[in-house]
Amino acid sequence: MAISRTGKLNKRLEFLVKKKVGTGPNGTDKFEYVPEFKSWFAYKQKLINQIVEENGGVLEDTQTIILRQHQKKPPQLDWRVRINGDDYDIVKLNPDIESDGFLIIFIKAVK
């Protein structure tokens, strides 16, 4: 799907960031993924070269989403995405060359 208007970004996701939430029973730091901010997105159909790359295992079992590149904070590889209560690891970020363009994110369900 080619996105040329932000009106096509009609699904909601939440970015999660790993933060220290306390101390565990044995004195070690306890970390959890906590909500950072929400954004609008759309699912993107994979291109042939992306499907071929999956065979190498890098993008296997991933979904592709697209959102505005300019966010409250730039998404990072160590963040997670929550969609409809399901969590996904960010596998790859593919920014647009235009600063006001669209960001493509490859996500994989957390097992």
PDB file of N, CA and C in Angstrom:
ATOM      1  N   MET A   1       0.849  -1.165   0.000  1.00  0.00           N
ATOM      2  CA  MET A   1       0.000   0.000   0.000  1.00  0.00           C
ATOM      3  C   MET A   1       0.895   1.228   0.000  1.00  0.00           C
ATOM      4  N   ALA A   2       0.660   2.122  -0.911  1.00  0.00           N
ATOM      5  CA  ALA A   2       1.398   3.378  -0.941  1.00  0.00           C
ATOM      6  C   ALA A   2       0.661   4.378  -0.066  1.00  0.00           C
ATOM      7  N   ILE A   3       1.372   4.984   0.829  1.00  0.00           N
ATOM      8  CA  ILE A   3       0.762   5.981   1.700  1.00  0.00           C
ATOM      9  C   ILE A   3       1.140   7.350   1.167  1.00  0.00           C
ATOM     10  N   SER A   4       0.147   8.123   0.809  1.00  0.00           N
ATOM     11  CA  SER A   4       0.419   9.480   0.367  1.00  0.00           C
ATOM     12  C   SER A   4      -0.314  10.489   1.245  1.00  0.00           C
ATOM     13  N   ARG A   5      -1.253   9.986   2.050  1.00  0.00           N
ATOM     14  CA  ARG A   5      -2.004  10.858   2.954  1.00  0.00           C
ATOM     15  C   ARG A   5      -2.043  10.221   4.336  1.00  0.00           C
ATOM     16  N   THR A   6      -1.983  11.048   5.339  1.00  0.00           N
ATOM     17  CA  THR A   6      -1.992  10.520   6.699  1.00  0.00           C
ATOM     18  C   THR A   6      -3.352   9.957   7.083  1.00  0.00           C
ATOM     19  N   GLY A   7      -4.404  10.236   6.311  1.00  0.00           N
ATOM     20  CA  GLY A   7      -5.725   9.687   6.589  1.00  0.00           C
ATOM     21  C   GLY A   7      -5.779   8.178   6.477  1.00  0.00           C
ATOM     22  N   LYS A   8      -4.825   7.580   5.770  1.00  0.00           N
ATOM     23  CA  LYS A   8      -4.779   6.120   5.650  1.00  0.00           C
ATOM     24  C   LYS A   8      -4.151   5.468   6.874  1.00  0.00           C
ATOM     25  N   LEU A   9      -3.553   6.267   7.736  1.00  0.00           N
ATOM     26  CA  LEU A   9      -2.986   5.755   8.986  1.00  0.00           C
ATOM     27  C   LEU A   9      -4.127   5.713   9.999  1.00  0.00           C
ATOM     28  N   ASN A  10      -4.910   4.627   9.969  1.00  0.00           N
ATOM     29  CA  ASN A  10      -6.155   4.599  10.734  1.00  0.00           C
ATOM     30  C   ASN A  10      -6.208   3.516  11.804  1.00  0.00           C
ATOM     31  N   LYS A  11      -5.070   2.969  12.158  1.00  0.00           N
ATOM     32  CA  LYS A  11      -4.995   1.987  13.239  1.00  0.00           C
ATOM     33  C   LYS A  11      -4.107   2.566  14.339  1.00  0.00           C
ATOM     34  N   ARG A  12      -4.309   2.098  15.561  1.00  0.00           N
ATOM     35  CA  ARG A  12      -3.601   2.665  16.706  1.00  0.00           C
ATOM     36  C   ARG A  12      -2.604   1.663  17.282  1.00  0.00           C
ATOM     37  N   LEU A  13      -1.428   2.151  17.635  1.00  0.00           N
ATOM     38  CA  LEU A  13      -0.418   1.341  18.321  1.00  0.00           C
ATOM     39  C   LEU A  13       0.111   2.134  19.490  1.00  0.00           C
ATOM     40  N   GLU A  14       0.806   1.412  20.373  1.00  0.00           N
ATOM     41  CA  GLU A  14       1.435   2.046  21.525  1.00  0.00           C
ATOM     42  C   GLU A  14       2.888   1.586  21.570  1.00  0.00           C
ATOM     43  N   PHE A  15       3.799   2.533  21.676  1.00  0.00           N
ATOM     44  CA  PHE A  15       5.206   2.197  21.829  1.00  0.00           C
ATOM     45  C   PHE A  15       5.477   1.918  23.301  1.00  0.00           C
ATOM     46  N   LEU A  16       6.264   0.874  23.562  1.00  0.00           N
ATOM     47  CA  LEU A  16       6.639   0.481  24.916  1.00  0.00           C
ATOM     48  C   LEU A  16       8.150   0.591  25.066  1.00  0.00           C
ATOM     49  N   VAL A  17       8.584   1.127  26.196  1.00  0.00           N
ATOM     50  CA  VAL A  17      10.004   1.301  26.474  1.00  0.00           C
ATOM     51  C   VAL A  17      10.348   0.536  27.744  1.00  0.00           C
ATOM     52  N   LYS A  18      11.486  -0.144  27.730  1.00  0.00           N
ATOM     53  CA  LYS A  18      11.928  -0.917  28.895  1.00  0.00           C
ATOM     54  C   LYS A  18      12.489   0.036  29.948  1.00  0.00           C
ATOM     55  N   LYS A  19      11.849   0.026  31.123  1.00  0.00           N
ATOM     56  CA  LYS A  19      12.271   0.919  32.209  1.00  0.00           C
ATOM     57  C   LYS A  19      12.358   0.157  33.518  1.00  0.00           C
ATOM     58  N   LYS A  20      13.203   0.680  34.392  1.00  0.00           N
ATOM     59  CA  LYS A  20      13.328   0.096  35.728  1.00  0.00           C
ATOM     60  C   LYS A  20      12.056   0.415  36.505  1.00  0.00           C
ATOM     61  N   VAL A  21      11.449  -0.637  37.063  1.00  0.00           N
ATOM     62  CA  VAL A  21      10.194  -0.449  37.799  1.00  0.00           C
ATOM     63  C   VAL A  21      10.328  -0.823  39.272  1.00  0.00           C
ATOM     64  N   GLY A  22      11.540  -1.120  39.690  1.00  0.00           N
ATOM     65  CA  GLY A  22      11.741  -1.464  41.097  1.00  0.00           C
ATOM     66  C   GLY A  22      12.901  -2.415  41.267  1.00  0.00           C
ATOM     67  N   THR A  23      12.894  -3.063  42.416  1.00  0.00           N
ATOM     68  CA  THR A  23      13.943  -4.019  42.757  1.00  0.00           C
ATOM     69  C   THR A  23      13.309  -5.376  43.004  1.00  0.00           C
ATOM     70  N   GLY A  24      13.922  -6.401  42.445  1.00  0.00           N
ATOM     71  CA  GLY A  24      13.422  -7.758  42.611  1.00  0.00           C
ATOM     72  C   GLY A  24      13.699  -8.293  43.999  1.00  0.00           C
ATOM     73  N   PRO A  25      13.206  -9.496  44.306  1.00  0.00           N
ATOM     74  CA  PRO A  25      13.359 -10.071  45.647  1.00  0.00           C
ATOM     75  C   PRO A  25      14.809 -10.328  46.046  1.00  0.00           C
ATOM     76  N   ASN A  26      15.691 -10.518  45.072  1.00  0.00           N
ATOM     77  CA  ASN A  26      17.096 -10.787  45.415  1.00  0.00           C
ATOM     78  C   ASN A  26      17.971  -9.543  45.257  1.00  0.00           C
ATOM     79  N   GLY A  27      17.327  -8.363  45.167  1.00  0.00           N
ATOM     80  CA  GLY A  27      18.082  -7.117  45.110  1.00  0.00           C
ATOM     81  C   GLY A  27      18.477  -6.654  43.724  1.00  0.00           C
ATOM     82  N   THR A  28      18.146  -7.414  42.689  1.00  0.00           N
ATOM     83  CA  THR A  28      18.472  -6.990  41.328  1.00  0.00           C
ATOM     84  C   THR A  28      17.396  -6.039  40.804  1.00  0.00           C
ATOM     85  N   ASP A  29      17.787  -5.204  39.864  1.00  0.00           N
ATOM     86  CA  ASP A  29      16.840  -4.268  39.264  1.00  0.00           C
ATOM     87  C   ASP A  29      15.780  -5.028  38.476  1.00  0.00           C
ATOM     88  N   LYS A  30      14.551  -4.565  38.574  1.00  0.00           N
ATOM     89  CA  LYS A  30      13.439  -5.181  37.862  1.00  0.00           C
ATOM     90  C   LYS A  30      13.009  -4.239  36.737  1.00  0.00           C
ATOM     91  N   PHE A  31      12.942  -4.786  35.508  1.00  0.00           N
ATOM     92  CA  PHE A  31      12.593  -3.988  34.339  1.00  0.00           C
ATOM     93  C   PHE A  31      11.311  -4.521  33.705  1.00  0.00           C
ATOM     94  N   GLU A  32      10.522  -3.613  33.153  1.00  0.00           N
ATOM     95  CA  GLU A  32       9.320  -3.976  32.406  1.00  0.00           C
ATOM     96  C   GLU A  32       9.165  -3.006  31.242  1.00  0.00           C
ATOM     97  N   TYR A  33       8.431  -3.459  30.226  1.00  0.00           N
ATOM     98  CA  TYR A  33       8.088  -2.565  29.127  1.00  0.00           C
ATOM     99  C   TYR A  33       6.853  -1.771  29.538  1.00  0.00           C
ATOM    100  N   VAL A  34       6.985  -0.453  29.528  1.00  0.00           N
ATOM    101  CA  VAL A  34       5.892   0.425  29.945  1.00  0.00           C
ATOM    102  C   VAL A  34       5.515   1.346  28.779  1.00  0.00           C
ATOM    103  N   PRO A  35       4.247   1.745  28.717  1.00  0.00           N
ATOM    104  CA  PRO A  35       3.803   2.613  27.615  1.00  0.00           C
ATOM    105  C   PRO A  35       4.561   3.942  27.597  1.00  0.00           C
ATOM    106  N   GLU A  36       4.954   4.347  26.396  1.00  0.00           N
ATOM    107  CA  GLU A  36       5.662   5.624  26.195  1.00  0.00           C
ATOM    108  C   GLU A  36       4.748   6.646  25.508  1.00  0.00           C
ATOM    109  N   PHE A  37       4.178   6.274  24.357  1.00  0.00           N
ATOM    110  CA  PHE A  37       3.219   7.129  23.668  1.00  0.00           C
ATOM    111  C   PHE A  37       2.505   6.315  22.595  1.00  0.00           C
ATOM    112  N   LYS A  38       1.401   6.863  22.079  1.00  0.00           N
ATOM    113  CA  LYS A  38       0.610   6.192  21.046  1.00  0.00           C
ATOM    114  C   LYS A  38       0.801   6.892  19.714  1.00  0.00           C
ATOM    115  N   SER A  39       0.532   6.139  18.642  1.00  0.00           N
ATOM    116  CA  SER A  39       0.671   6.688  17.303  1.00  0.00           C
ATOM    117  C   SER A  39      -0.318   5.994  16.369  1.00  0.00           C
ATOM    118  N   TRP A  40      -0.611   6.644  15.270  1.00  0.00           N
ATOM    119  CA  TRP A  40      -1.457   6.062  14.222  1.00  0.00           C
ATOM    120  C   TRP A  40      -0.574   5.372  13.199  1.00  0.00           C
ATOM    121  N   PHE A  41      -1.050   4.242  12.653  1.00  0.00           N
ATOM    122  CA  PHE A  41      -0.265   3.482  11.681  1.00  0.00           C
ATOM    123  C   PHE A  41      -1.196   2.774  10.698  1.00  0.00           C
ATOM    124  N   ALA A  42      -0.584   2.165   9.683  1.00  0.00           N
ATOM    125  CA  ALA A  42      -1.289   1.296   8.745  1.00  0.00           C
ATOM    126  C   ALA A  42      -0.386   0.098   8.464  1.00  0.00           C
ATOM    127  N   TYR A  43      -1.004  -1.031   8.136  1.00  0.00           N
ATOM    128  CA  TYR A  43      -0.217  -2.190   7.717  1.00  0.00           C
ATOM    129  C   TYR A  43       0.243  -1.956   6.287  1.00  0.00           C
ATOM    130  N   LYS A  44       1.427  -2.431   5.963  1.00  0.00           N
ATOM    131  CA  LYS A  44       1.992  -2.262   4.623  1.00  0.00           C
ATOM    132  C   LYS A  44       2.258  -3.629   4.018  1.00  0.00           C
ATOM    133  N   GLN A  45       1.886  -3.765   2.768  1.00  0.00           N
ATOM    134  CA  GLN A  45       2.151  -5.019   2.056  1.00  0.00           C
ATOM    135  C   GLN A  45       3.642  -5.116   1.772  1.00  0.00           C
ATOM    136  N   LYS A  46       4.188  -6.314   1.945  1.00  0.00           N
ATOM    137  CA  LYS A  46       5.617  -6.513   1.703  1.00  0.00           C
ATOM    138  C   LYS A  46       5.915  -6.552   0.207  1.00  0.00           C
ATOM    139  N   LEU A  47       7.086  -6.027  -0.152  1.00  0.00           N
ATOM    140  CA  LEU A  47       7.543  -6.067  -1.531  1.00  0.00           C
ATOM    141  C   LEU A  47       8.269  -7.387  -1.782  1.00  0.00           C
ATOM    142  N   ILE A  48       8.441  -7.730  -3.039  1.00  0.00           N
ATOM    143  CA  ILE A  48       9.095  -8.991  -3.406  1.00  0.00           C
ATOM    144  C   ILE A  48      10.471  -9.119  -2.761  1.00  0.00           C
ATOM    145  N   ASN A  49      11.277  -8.054  -2.782  1.00  0.00           N
ATOM    146  CA  ASN A  49      12.626  -8.163  -2.207  1.00  0.00           C
ATOM    147  C   ASN A  49      12.577  -8.397  -0.702  1.00  0.00           C
ATOM    148  N   GLN A  50      11.531  -7.940  -0.036  1.00  0.00           N
ATOM    149  CA  GLN A  50      11.394  -8.196   1.397  1.00  0.00           C
ATOM    150  C   GLN A  50      11.026  -9.651   1.644  1.00  0.00           C
ATOM    151  N   ILE A  51      10.202 -10.213   0.779  1.00  0.00           N
ATOM    152  CA  ILE A  51       9.834 -11.620   0.904  1.00  0.00           C
ATOM    153  C   ILE A  51      11.057 -12.501   0.672  1.00  0.00           C
ATOM    154  N   VAL A  52      11.879 -12.138  -0.304  1.00  0.00           N
ATOM    155  CA  VAL A  52      13.110 -12.888  -0.568  1.00  0.00           C
ATOM    156  C   VAL A  52      14.033 -12.803   0.643  1.00  0.00           C
ATOM    157  N   GLU A  53      14.137 -11.628   1.259  1.00  0.00           N
ATOM    158  CA  GLU A  53      14.997 -11.455   2.433  1.00  0.00           C
ATOM    159  C   GLU A  53      14.512 -12.312   3.597  1.00  0.00           C
ATOM    160  N   GLU A  54      13.204 -12.572   3.665  1.00  0.00           N
ATOM    161  CA  GLU A  54      12.668 -13.418   4.729  1.00  0.00           C
ATOM    162  C   GLU A  54      13.291 -14.806   4.701  1.00  0.00           C
ATOM    163  N   ASN A  55      13.579 -15.288   3.520  1.00  0.00           N
ATOM    164  CA  ASN A  55      14.154 -16.625   3.405  1.00  0.00           C
ATOM    165  C   ASN A  55      15.501 -16.708   4.103  1.00  0.00           C
ATOM    166  N   GLY A  56      16.164 -15.584   4.301  1.00  0.00           N
ATOM    167  CA  GLY A  56      17.412 -15.559   5.047  1.00  0.00           C
ATOM    168  C   GLY A  56      17.175 -15.508   6.545  1.00  0.00           C
ATOM    169  N   GLY A  57      15.928 -15.386   6.951  1.00  0.00           N
ATOM    170  CA  GLY A  57      15.586 -15.424   8.363  1.00  0.00           C
ATOM    171  C   GLY A  57      15.466 -14.076   9.038  1.00  0.00           C
ATOM    172  N   VAL A  58      15.962 -13.002   8.408  1.00  0.00           N
ATOM    173  CA  VAL A  58      15.967 -11.698   9.059  1.00  0.00           C
ATOM    174  C   VAL A  58      14.549 -11.188   9.285  1.00  0.00           C
ATOM    175  N   LEU A  59      13.710 -11.312   8.275  1.00  0.00           N
ATOM    176  CA  LEU A  59      12.357 -10.777   8.384  1.00  0.00           C
ATOM    177  C   LEU A  59      11.301 -11.869   8.441  1.00  0.00           C
ATOM    178  N   GLU A  60      11.711 -13.078   8.749  1.00  0.00           N
ATOM    179  CA  GLU A  60      10.771 -14.193   8.810  1.00  0.00           C
ATOM    180  C   GLU A  60       9.738 -13.965   9.905  1.00  0.00           C
ATOM    181  N   ASP A  61       8.480 -14.229   9.586  1.00  0.00           N
ATOM    182  CA  ASP A  61       7.362 -14.082  10.529  1.00  0.00           C
ATOM    183  C   ASP A  61       7.175 -12.653  11.026  1.00  0.00           C
ATOM    184  N   THR A  62       7.526 -11.673  10.192  1.00  0.00           N
ATOM    185  CA  THR A  62       7.341 -10.289  10.590  1.00  0.00           C
ATOM    186  C   THR A  62       6.134  -9.689   9.894  1.00  0.00           C
ATOM    187  N   GLN A  63       5.650  -8.598  10.460  1.00  0.00           N
ATOM    188  CA  GLN A  63       4.635  -7.771   9.824  1.00  0.00           C
ATOM    189  C   GLN A  63       5.278  -6.426   9.546  1.00  0.00           C
ATOM    190  N   THR A  64       4.754  -5.733   8.565  1.00  0.00           N
ATOM    191  CA  THR A  64       5.290  -4.432   8.196  1.00  0.00           C
ATOM    192  C   THR A  64       4.235  -3.375   8.462  1.00  0.00           C
ATOM    193  N   ILE A  65       4.625  -2.339   9.196  1.00  0.00           N
ATOM    194  CA  ILE A  65       3.711  -1.235   9.460  1.00  0.00           C
ATOM    195  C   ILE A  65       4.359   0.070   9.007  1.00  0.00           C
ATOM    196  N   ILE A  66       3.524   1.052   8.756  1.00  0.00           N
ATOM    197  CA  ILE A  66       4.013   2.346   8.313  1.00  0.00           C
ATOM    198  C   ILE A  66       3.348   3.427   9.157  1.00  0.00           C
ATOM    199  N   LEU A  67       4.136   4.442   9.525  1.00  0.00           N
ATOM    200  CA  LEU A  67       3.622   5.544  10.305  1.00  0.00           C
ATOM    201  C   LEU A  67       4.394   6.803   9.963  1.00  0.00           C
ATOM    202  N   ARG A  68       3.936   7.918  10.462  1.00  0.00           N
ATOM    203  CA  ARG A  68       4.660   9.157  10.225  1.00  0.00           C
ATOM    204  C   ARG A  68       6.055   9.049  10.812  1.00  0.00           C
ATOM    205  N   GLN A  69       7.018   9.581  10.087  1.00  0.00           N
ATOM    206  CA  GLN A  69       8.389   9.514  10.577  1.00  0.00           C
ATOM    207  C   GLN A  69       8.588  10.410  11.800  1.00  0.00           C
ATOM    208  N   HIS A  70       7.965  11.569  11.801  1.00  0.00           N
ATOM    209  CA  HIS A  70       8.121  12.493  12.933  1.00  0.00           C
ATOM    210  C   HIS A  70       7.168  12.073  14.053  1.00  0.00           C
ATOM    211  N   GLN A  71       7.724  11.571  15.154  1.00  0.00           N
ATOM    212  CA  GLN A  71       6.967  11.128  16.323  1.00  0.00           C
ATOM    213  C   GLN A  71       7.402  11.946  17.536  1.00  0.00           C
ATOM    214  N   LYS A  72       6.720  11.756  18.664  1.00  0.00           N
ATOM    215  CA  LYS A  72       7.097  12.459  19.901  1.00  0.00           C
ATOM    216  C   LYS A  72       8.556  12.182  20.251  1.00  0.00           C
ATOM    217  N   LYS A  73       8.958  10.928  20.036  1.00  0.00           N
ATOM    218  CA  LYS A  73      10.350  10.498  20.189  1.00  0.00           C
ATOM    219  C   LYS A  73      10.628   9.549  19.033  1.00  0.00           C
ATOM    220  N   PRO A  74      11.867   9.499  18.530  1.00  0.00           N
ATOM    221  CA  PRO A  74      12.150   8.549  17.454  1.00  0.00           C
ATOM    222  C   PRO A  74      12.138   7.113  17.976  1.00  0.00           C
ATOM    223  N   PRO A  75      11.353   6.218  17.364  1.00  0.00           N
ATOM    224  CA  PRO A  75      11.328   4.816  17.794  1.00  0.00           C
ATOM    225  C   PRO A  75      12.722   4.189  17.731  1.00  0.00           C
ATOM    226  N   GLN A  76      12.985   3.262  18.652  1.00  0.00           N
ATOM    227  CA  GLN A  76      14.287   2.603  18.745  1.00  0.00           C
ATOM    228  C   GLN A  76      14.120   1.090  18.626  1.00  0.00           C
ATOM    229  N   LEU A  77      15.179   0.406  18.224  1.00  0.00           N
ATOM    230  CA  LEU A  77      15.141  -1.049  18.049  1.00  0.00           C
ATOM    231  C   LEU A  77      14.865  -1.803  19.344  1.00  0.00           C
ATOM    232  N   ASP A  78      15.216  -1.233  20.499  1.00  0.00           N
ATOM    233  CA  ASP A  78      14.992  -1.948  21.755  1.00  0.00           C
ATOM    234  C   ASP A  78      13.614  -1.659  22.355  1.00  0.00           C
ATOM    235  N   TRP A  79      12.773  -0.944  21.634  1.00  0.00           N
ATOM    236  CA  TRP A  79      11.401  -0.705  22.060  1.00  0.00           C
ATOM    237  C   TRP A  79      10.522  -1.851  21.604  1.00  0.00           C
ATOM    238  N   ARG A  80       9.291  -1.865  22.101  1.00  0.00           N
ATOM    239  CA  ARG A  80       8.257  -2.783  21.626  1.00  0.00           C
ATOM    240  C   ARG A  80       7.062  -1.978  21.139  1.00  0.00           C
ATOM    241  N   VAL A  81       6.225  -2.662  20.379  1.00  0.00           N
ATOM    242  CA  VAL A  81       4.984  -2.072  19.878  1.00  0.00           C
ATOM    243  C   VAL A  81       3.836  -2.929  20.402  1.00  0.00           C
ATOM    244  N   ARG A  82       2.775  -2.287  20.877  1.00  0.00           N
ATOM    245  CA  ARG A  82       1.577  -3.011  21.305  1.00  0.00           C
ATOM    246  C   ARG A  82       0.430  -2.627  20.374  1.00  0.00           C
ATOM    247  N   ILE A  83      -0.170  -3.664  19.769  1.00  0.00           N
ATOM    248  CA  ILE A  83      -1.307  -3.472  18.868  1.00  0.00           C
ATOM    249  C   ILE A  83      -2.417  -4.393  19.344  1.00  0.00           C
ATOM    250  N   ASN A  84      -3.563  -3.815  19.673  1.00  0.00           N
ATOM    251  CA  ASN A  84      -4.722  -4.593  20.141  1.00  0.00           C
ATOM    252  C   ASN A  84      -4.358  -5.550  21.281  1.00  0.00           C
ATOM    253  N   GLY A  85      -3.513  -5.115  22.200  1.00  0.00           N
ATOM    254  CA  GLY A  85      -3.151  -5.921  23.355  1.00  0.00           C
ATOM    255  C   GLY A  85      -2.033  -6.929  23.116  1.00  0.00           C
ATOM    256  N   ASP A  86      -1.550  -7.040  21.874  1.00  0.00           N
ATOM    257  CA  ASP A  86      -0.452  -7.957  21.550  1.00  0.00           C
ATOM    258  C   ASP A  86       0.851  -7.169  21.419  1.00  0.00           C
ATOM    259  N   ASP A  87       1.940  -7.723  21.973  1.00  0.00           N
ATOM    260  CA  ASP A  87       3.242  -7.055  21.934  1.00  0.00           C
ATOM    261  C   ASP A  87       4.108  -7.610  20.815  1.00  0.00           C
ATOM    262  N   TYR A  88       4.886  -6.706  20.202  1.00  0.00           N
ATOM    263  CA  TYR A  88       5.772  -7.043  19.092  1.00  0.00           C
ATOM    264  C   TYR A  88       7.133  -6.402  19.330  1.00  0.00           C
ATOM    265  N   ASP A  89       8.199  -7.154  19.045  1.00  0.00           N
ATOM    266  CA  ASP A  89       9.545  -6.592  19.041  1.00  0.00           C
ATOM    267  C   ASP A  89       9.740  -5.854  17.728  1.00  0.00           C
ATOM    268  N   ILE A  90      10.503  -4.767  17.771  1.00  0.00           N
ATOM    269  CA  ILE A  90      10.876  -4.058  16.551  1.00  0.00           C
ATOM    270  C   ILE A  90      12.116  -4.743  15.994  1.00  0.00           C
ATOM    271  N   VAL A  91      11.999  -5.266  14.770  1.00  0.00           N
ATOM    272  CA  VAL A  91      13.088  -6.003  14.135  1.00  0.00           C
ATOM    273  C   VAL A  91      13.960  -5.080  13.295  1.00  0.00           C
ATOM    274  N   LYS A  92      13.306  -4.141  12.607  1.00  0.00           N
ATOM    275  CA  LYS A  92      14.042  -3.273  11.691  1.00  0.00           C
ATOM    276  C   LYS A  92      13.276  -1.974  11.531  1.00  0.00           C
ATOM    277  N   LEU A  93      14.009  -0.863  11.457  1.00  0.00           N
ATOM    278  CA  LEU A  93      13.437   0.451  11.193  1.00  0.00           C
ATOM    279  C   LEU A  93      13.949   0.920   9.843  1.00  0.00           C
ATOM    280  N   ASN A  94      13.046   1.397   8.994  1.00  0.00           N
ATOM    281  CA  ASN A  94      13.435   1.875   7.676  1.00  0.00           C
ATOM    282  C   ASN A  94      12.907   3.301   7.502  1.00  0.00           C
ATOM    283  N   PRO A  95      13.720   4.305   7.880  1.00  0.00           N
ATOM    284  CA  PRO A  95      13.258   5.687   7.789  1.00  0.00           C
ATOM    285  C   PRO A  95      13.229   6.192   6.354  1.00  0.00           C
ATOM    286  N   ASP A  96      12.387   7.174   6.114  1.00  0.00           N
ATOM    287  CA  ASP A  96      12.296   7.838   4.822  1.00  0.00           C
ATOM    288  C   ASP A  96      13.440   8.840   4.721  1.00  0.00           C
ATOM    289  N   ILE A  97      13.852   9.155   3.513  1.00  0.00           N
ATOM    290  CA  ILE A  97      14.910  10.158   3.346  1.00  0.00           C
ATOM    291  C   ILE A  97      14.379  11.571   3.592  1.00  0.00           C
ATOM    292  N   GLU A  98      13.059  11.741   3.488  1.00  0.00           N
ATOM    293  CA  GLU A  98      12.428  13.022   3.784  1.00  0.00           C
ATOM    294  C   GLU A  98      12.087  13.069   5.274  1.00  0.00           C
ATOM    295  N   SER A  99      12.421  14.159   5.932  1.00  0.00           N
ATOM    296  CA  SER A  99      12.175  14.232   7.374  1.00  0.00           C
ATOM    297  C   SER A  99      10.685  14.242   7.710  1.00  0.00           C
ATOM    298  N   ASP A 100       9.843  14.673   6.779  1.00  0.00           N
ATOM    299  CA  ASP A 100       8.402  14.677   7.036  1.00  0.00           C
ATOM    300  C   ASP A 100       7.713  13.510   6.327  1.00  0.00           C
ATOM    301  N   GLY A 101       8.484  12.491   5.983  1.00  0.00           N
ATOM    302  CA  GLY A 101       7.955  11.331   5.269  1.00  0.00           C
ATOM    303  C   GLY A 101       7.395  10.280   6.219  1.00  0.00           C
ATOM    304  N   PHE A 102       7.496   9.032   5.790  1.00  0.00           N
ATOM    305  CA  PHE A 102       6.922   7.923   6.549  1.00  0.00           C
ATOM    306  C   PHE A 102       8.008   6.940   6.956  1.00  0.00           C
ATOM    307  N   LEU A 103       7.819   6.353   8.124  1.00  0.00           N
ATOM    308  CA  LEU A 103       8.743   5.371   8.692  1.00  0.00           C
ATOM    309  C   LEU A 103       8.130   3.993   8.533  1.00  0.00           C
ATOM    310  N   ILE A 104       8.914   3.055   8.028  1.00  0.00           N
ATOM    311  CA  ILE A 104       8.465   1.666   7.909  1.00  0.00           C
ATOM    312  C   ILE A 104       9.140   0.878   9.026  1.00  0.00           C
ATOM    313  N   ILE A 105       8.330   0.113   9.759  1.00  0.00           N
ATOM    314  CA  ILE A 105       8.840  -0.686  10.883  1.00  0.00           C
ATOM    315  C   ILE A 105       8.459  -2.130  10.667  1.00  0.00           C
ATOM    316  N   PHE A 106       9.419  -3.019  10.794  1.00  0.00           N
ATOM    317  CA  PHE A 106       9.182  -4.461  10.731  1.00  0.00           C
ATOM    318  C   PHE A 106       9.057  -4.941  12.172  1.00  0.00           C
ATOM    319  N   ILE A 107       7.948  -5.593  12.479  1.00  0.00           N
ATOM    320  CA  ILE A 107       7.699  -6.064  13.846  1.00  0.00           C
ATOM    321  C   ILE A 107       7.462  -7.568  13.856  1.00  0.00           C
ATOM    322  N   LYS A 108       7.787  -8.192  14.989  1.00  0.00           N
ATOM    323  CA  LYS A 108       7.620  -9.631  15.151  1.00  0.00           C
ATOM    324  C   LYS A 108       6.981  -9.898  16.506  1.00  0.00           C
ATOM    325  N   ALA A 109       5.976 -10.757  16.527  1.00  0.00           N
ATOM    326  CA  ALA A 109       5.257 -11.042  17.760  1.00  0.00           C
ATOM    327  C   ALA A 109       6.204 -11.567  18.836  1.00  0.00           C
ATOM    328  N   VAL A 110       6.008 -11.086  20.061  1.00  0.00           N
ATOM    329  CA  VAL A 110       6.791 -11.544  21.203  1.00  0.00           C
ATOM    330  C   VAL A 110       6.245 -12.914  21.605  1.00  0.00           C
ATOM    331  N   LYS A 111       7.149 -13.885  21.765  1.00  0.00           N
ATOM    332  CA  LYS A 111       6.726 -15.236  22.126  1.00  0.00           C
ATOM    333  C   LYS A 111       6.893 -15.479  23.602  1.00  0.00           C
TER     334      LYS A 111
END
